[in-house]
Protein backbone atom coordinates (compact mmCIF):
# COMPACT_ATOMS: atom_id res chain seq x y z
CA MET A 1 33.67 -39.15 55.37
CA ALA A 2 31.78 -42.48 55.61
CA SER A 3 28.79 -43.69 57.50
CA ARG A 4 26.98 -46.87 58.24
CA GLU A 5 23.44 -47.12 56.97
CA ASP A 6 20.63 -46.91 59.16
CA ALA A 7 19.19 -50.45 59.12
CA VAL A 8 15.59 -48.67 59.03
CA ILE A 9 16.08 -47.20 55.73
CA GLU A 10 15.75 -49.57 52.54
CA ILE A 11 18.28 -48.89 50.07
CA THR A 12 16.55 -48.87 46.61
CA PRO A 13 17.66 -47.98 43.09
CA GLU A 14 15.82 -44.59 43.53
CA VAL A 15 17.56 -43.97 46.95
CA LEU A 16 20.95 -44.83 45.22
CA LEU A 17 20.42 -42.23 42.32
CA LYS A 18 19.52 -39.57 45.09
CA ALA A 19 22.54 -40.49 46.83
CA TYR A 20 24.62 -39.83 43.60
CA ALA A 21 22.95 -36.82 42.94
CA CYS A 22 24.21 -35.72 46.38
CA GLY A 23 27.57 -36.69 46.00
CA ILE A 24 27.24 -39.79 47.98
CA PHE A 25 28.10 -43.44 46.97
CA PRO A 26 28.12 -46.75 48.72
CA MET A 27 30.40 -49.47 49.61
CA ALA A 28 30.57 -52.76 51.50
CA GLU A 29 33.68 -53.87 53.93
CA ASN A 30 33.72 -57.04 51.91
CA ALA A 31 31.92 -59.37 49.61
CA SER A 32 30.46 -61.53 53.05
CA ASP A 33 29.32 -58.30 54.76
CA PRO A 34 25.38 -57.84 53.89
CA ALA A 35 25.97 -54.19 55.22
CA LEU A 36 26.78 -51.13 53.22
CA TYR A 37 27.86 -47.53 54.09
CA TRP A 38 27.98 -44.46 52.38
CA VAL A 39 30.99 -42.58 51.36
CA GLU A 40 31.76 -38.79 50.57
CA PRO A 41 35.30 -38.27 50.48
CA GLU A 42 36.64 -34.81 51.47
CA ARG A 43 38.96 -35.01 48.52
CA ARG A 44 36.95 -36.24 45.38
CA GLY A 45 38.86 -37.79 42.35
CA ILE A 46 37.72 -36.64 38.84
CA ILE A 47 38.87 -36.65 35.06
CA PRO A 48 38.36 -33.62 33.40
CA LEU A 49 36.85 -34.72 29.97
CA GLU A 50 38.64 -32.15 27.98
CA ALA A 51 41.84 -32.35 29.41
CA PHE A 52 42.00 -36.58 29.04
CA HIS A 53 45.56 -37.89 28.45
CA VAL A 54 46.42 -40.80 26.76
CA PRO A 55 50.16 -42.20 26.92
CA GLY A 56 51.92 -42.79 23.96
CA ARG A 57 52.21 -46.69 24.12
CA LEU A 58 48.57 -46.95 25.29
CA ALA A 59 47.56 -45.07 22.41
CA ARG A 60 49.32 -47.70 20.27
CA THR A 61 47.59 -50.35 21.86
CA VAL A 62 44.01 -48.74 21.28
CA ARG A 63 44.79 -47.83 17.64
CA SER A 64 46.04 -51.39 17.00
CA ASP A 65 42.35 -52.69 17.48
CA ARG A 66 43.56 -55.85 19.35
CA PHE A 67 40.58 -55.62 21.14
CA THR A 68 36.91 -55.53 20.41
CA VAL A 69 34.98 -53.03 22.71
CA VAL A 70 31.39 -52.67 22.97
CA CYS A 71 28.91 -51.38 25.92
CA ASN A 72 26.12 -52.90 27.92
CA ARG A 73 26.37 -56.42 26.65
CA ASP A 74 26.84 -58.54 29.93
CA PHE A 75 26.74 -56.91 33.23
CA ASP A 76 26.45 -59.78 35.09
CA ALA A 77 30.17 -60.67 33.41
CA VAL A 78 31.41 -57.21 33.98
CA ILE A 79 30.60 -56.98 37.83
CA ASP A 80 32.11 -60.63 38.15
CA GLY A 81 35.13 -59.70 36.89
CA CYS A 82 35.33 -56.43 39.03
CA ALA A 83 34.21 -58.33 42.07
CA GLN A 84 37.20 -60.76 41.92
CA PRO A 85 40.02 -59.97 44.40
CA ARG A 86 43.14 -58.20 43.54
CA ALA A 87 46.06 -59.60 43.15
CA GLN A 88 47.67 -57.75 46.34
CA THR A 89 44.22 -58.56 48.46
CA ASP A 90 41.73 -61.61 48.82
CA ARG A 91 39.01 -59.04 49.68
CA THR A 92 36.54 -57.39 47.30
CA TRP A 93 33.93 -54.66 48.42
CA ILE A 94 31.27 -55.79 46.07
CA ASN A 95 28.98 -57.82 47.72
CA ALA A 96 25.52 -59.16 46.83
CA ARG A 97 23.33 -56.22 47.73
CA ILE A 98 25.62 -53.81 45.43
CA ARG A 99 24.88 -56.75 42.75
CA ARG A 100 21.68 -56.36 43.27
CA LEU A 101 21.27 -52.44 43.27
CA TYR A 102 23.70 -51.92 40.39
CA GLY A 103 22.03 -54.44 38.30
CA ALA A 104 18.68 -52.69 38.60
CA LEU A 105 19.96 -49.54 37.90
CA PHE A 106 21.22 -51.48 34.81
CA ALA A 107 18.05 -52.25 33.68
CA ARG A 108 16.49 -49.00 34.42
CA GLY A 109 19.24 -47.58 31.95
CA HIS A 110 21.36 -45.61 34.66
CA CYS A 111 24.37 -48.18 35.10
CA HIS A 112 26.66 -48.94 31.95
CA THR A 113 29.26 -51.42 30.99
CA VAL A 114 32.38 -50.90 29.06
CA GLU A 115 33.26 -54.48 27.88
CA VAL A 116 36.78 -55.57 26.39
CA TYR A 117 36.95 -58.77 24.24
CA ALA A 118 39.84 -60.77 22.92
CA GLY A 119 38.24 -63.01 20.13
CA ASP A 120 35.05 -64.22 22.40
CA ALA A 121 36.92 -63.92 25.87
CA LEU A 122 35.95 -60.81 28.06
CA VAL A 123 39.07 -59.84 29.29
CA GLY A 124 38.40 -56.42 30.80
CA GLY A 125 35.84 -53.81 31.38
CA LEU A 126 34.46 -51.21 33.46
CA TYR A 127 30.81 -50.18 34.80
CA GLY A 128 29.70 -46.82 36.32
CA VAL A 129 26.37 -44.65 36.95
CA SER A 130 25.19 -42.43 34.55
CA LEU A 131 22.79 -39.71 36.03
CA GLY A 132 22.04 -36.30 33.92
CA GLY A 133 25.86 -35.32 32.31
CA ALA A 134 27.62 -37.07 35.09
CA PHE A 135 29.13 -40.56 34.95
CA PHE A 136 30.31 -41.92 38.29
CA GLY A 137 33.09 -44.46 37.46
CA GLU A 138 32.56 -47.71 40.11
CA SER A 139 35.01 -50.44 39.11
CA MET A 140 37.21 -51.83 36.49
CA PHE A 141 38.98 -54.88 35.87
CA HIS A 142 41.52 -56.74 33.26
CA ARG A 143 42.68 -60.05 32.78
CA ALA A 144 44.78 -59.32 29.51
CA ARG A 145 47.43 -56.18 29.80
CA ASP A 146 45.93 -52.83 29.04
CA ALA A 147 42.32 -54.15 28.70
CA SER A 148 40.87 -51.70 31.57
CA LYS A 149 43.30 -48.75 30.19
CA VAL A 150 41.37 -49.62 26.71
CA ALA A 151 38.24 -49.41 28.38
CA LEU A 152 38.44 -46.20 29.84
CA VAL A 153 39.81 -44.57 26.70
CA HIS A 154 36.39 -46.05 24.96
CA LEU A 155 34.28 -44.70 27.94
CA VAL A 156 35.87 -41.32 27.60
CA ALA A 157 35.11 -41.43 23.87
CA ARG A 158 31.40 -41.95 24.59
CA LEU A 159 31.20 -39.71 27.29
CA ARG A 160 32.15 -37.07 25.02
CA ALA A 161 29.91 -37.80 21.91
CA GLY A 162 27.25 -38.30 24.63
CA GLY A 163 27.46 -34.72 25.92
CA PHE A 164 28.68 -35.62 29.44
CA ARG A 165 30.23 -33.12 31.81
CA LEU A 166 31.60 -34.96 34.38
CA LEU A 167 33.52 -38.20 35.06
CA ASP A 168 33.83 -38.79 38.71
CA THR A 169 36.36 -41.53 39.95
CA GLN A 170 35.83 -41.35 43.18
CA PHE A 171 39.13 -41.31 44.41
CA VAL A 172 42.73 -40.68 42.59
CA THR A 173 45.41 -43.33 42.13
CA PRO A 174 48.81 -43.21 40.35
CA HIS A 175 47.14 -45.21 37.52
CA LEU A 176 44.26 -42.74 36.93
CA GLN A 177 46.60 -39.75 37.05
CA THR A 178 48.21 -41.13 33.91
CA PHE A 179 44.99 -40.19 32.35
CA GLY A 180 44.96 -36.73 33.95
CA ALA A 181 42.99 -37.15 36.96
CA ILE A 182 43.06 -34.77 39.91
CA GLU A 183 41.62 -34.28 43.02
CA VAL A 184 39.18 -31.61 43.73
CA SER A 185 37.44 -30.16 47.17
CA ARG A 186 34.05 -31.36 48.42
CA SER A 187 32.64 -27.73 47.49
CA ARG A 188 34.42 -27.72 44.09
CA TYR A 189 32.98 -31.38 43.18
CA HIS A 190 29.49 -30.19 44.37
CA LYS A 191 29.63 -27.19 42.00
CA LEU A 192 30.81 -29.61 39.35
CA LEU A 193 28.18 -32.13 40.16
CA GLU A 194 25.52 -29.91 40.19
CA ALA A 195 26.34 -28.12 36.75
CA ALA A 196 26.50 -31.53 35.33
CA LEU A 197 23.11 -33.11 36.76
CA ALA A 198 21.54 -29.93 34.88
CA VAL A 199 22.87 -31.59 31.67
CA ARG A 200 20.72 -34.05 29.60
CA ALA A 201 23.56 -36.42 28.42
CA ASN A 202 22.98 -39.70 26.39
CA PHE A 203 25.49 -42.72 27.23
CA THR A 204 24.20 -44.41 24.10
CA ALA A 205 24.42 -41.53 21.48
CA LEU A 206 27.24 -43.98 19.97
CA ALA A 207 25.27 -47.42 19.44
CA PRO A 208 26.51 -49.55 22.44
CA ASP A 209 26.46 -52.73 20.39
CA ILE A 210 28.15 -51.52 17.82
CA PRO A 211 32.26 -51.76 18.17
CA LEU A 212 34.29 -48.22 17.94
CA SER A 213 37.24 -48.52 16.31
CA GLY A 214 40.45 -47.67 18.24
CA ALA A 215 41.18 -44.69 15.96
CA GLU A 216 38.04 -43.34 16.32
CA ALA A 217 37.78 -43.90 20.25
CA LEU A 218 41.23 -42.15 20.32
CA ARG A 219 39.92 -39.05 17.75
CA ARG A 220 36.51 -38.53 19.95
CA ALA A 221 38.54 -39.05 23.51
CA LEU A 222 41.29 -36.61 22.53
CA ALA A 223 39.54 -34.02 20.34
CA PRO A 224 40.03 -30.51 21.36
CA PRO A 225 36.94 -28.63 23.15
CA PRO A 226 35.05 -26.38 21.14
CA PRO A 227 35.61 -23.02 20.90
């Protein structure tokens, strides 16, 4: 379900957080369209954190430490990467208002990035919103093979270390299914969201500016649930 915003209602960072708490998120038609519309899918994509899966070849890449992975270092560079049109399309849904709103959430500590570097070059990453024990993944990008996938592994490691309960992917793609993503009904999603919002999780439980080794990221991302 999608609805065009009411032009009378100003979308502020506070309004945006309230929308996430209700299971709604904004998108734009394209980068040049200043308007936003609200989305609440009938079927919601999530990755159950305790059932996260890493394919064998990717696990070897993560463990090799080919990339250096940190968090929250360069929001603008990450959203620039995410806003670049994909190879199969010349459009992007990240417009100037999206940039401003999520930049404001980043400044307030509710938006986070995972950044993947090869040397000094940013070659991949992702960003999303944290609220209580829920993390809402927004977008990811890569300029080197597997860089965005490595970012996702490190994200899950940090979410589990910080006590998060819900990883919302909005939709499910074949790419995300390889990591264990599933679809749940809207009613089931709202129950999961309500439970997650009651938790006080901490995205920075692991220091965001200190790189986590690939082996440690895998250990944390794939650890069995506590008894």
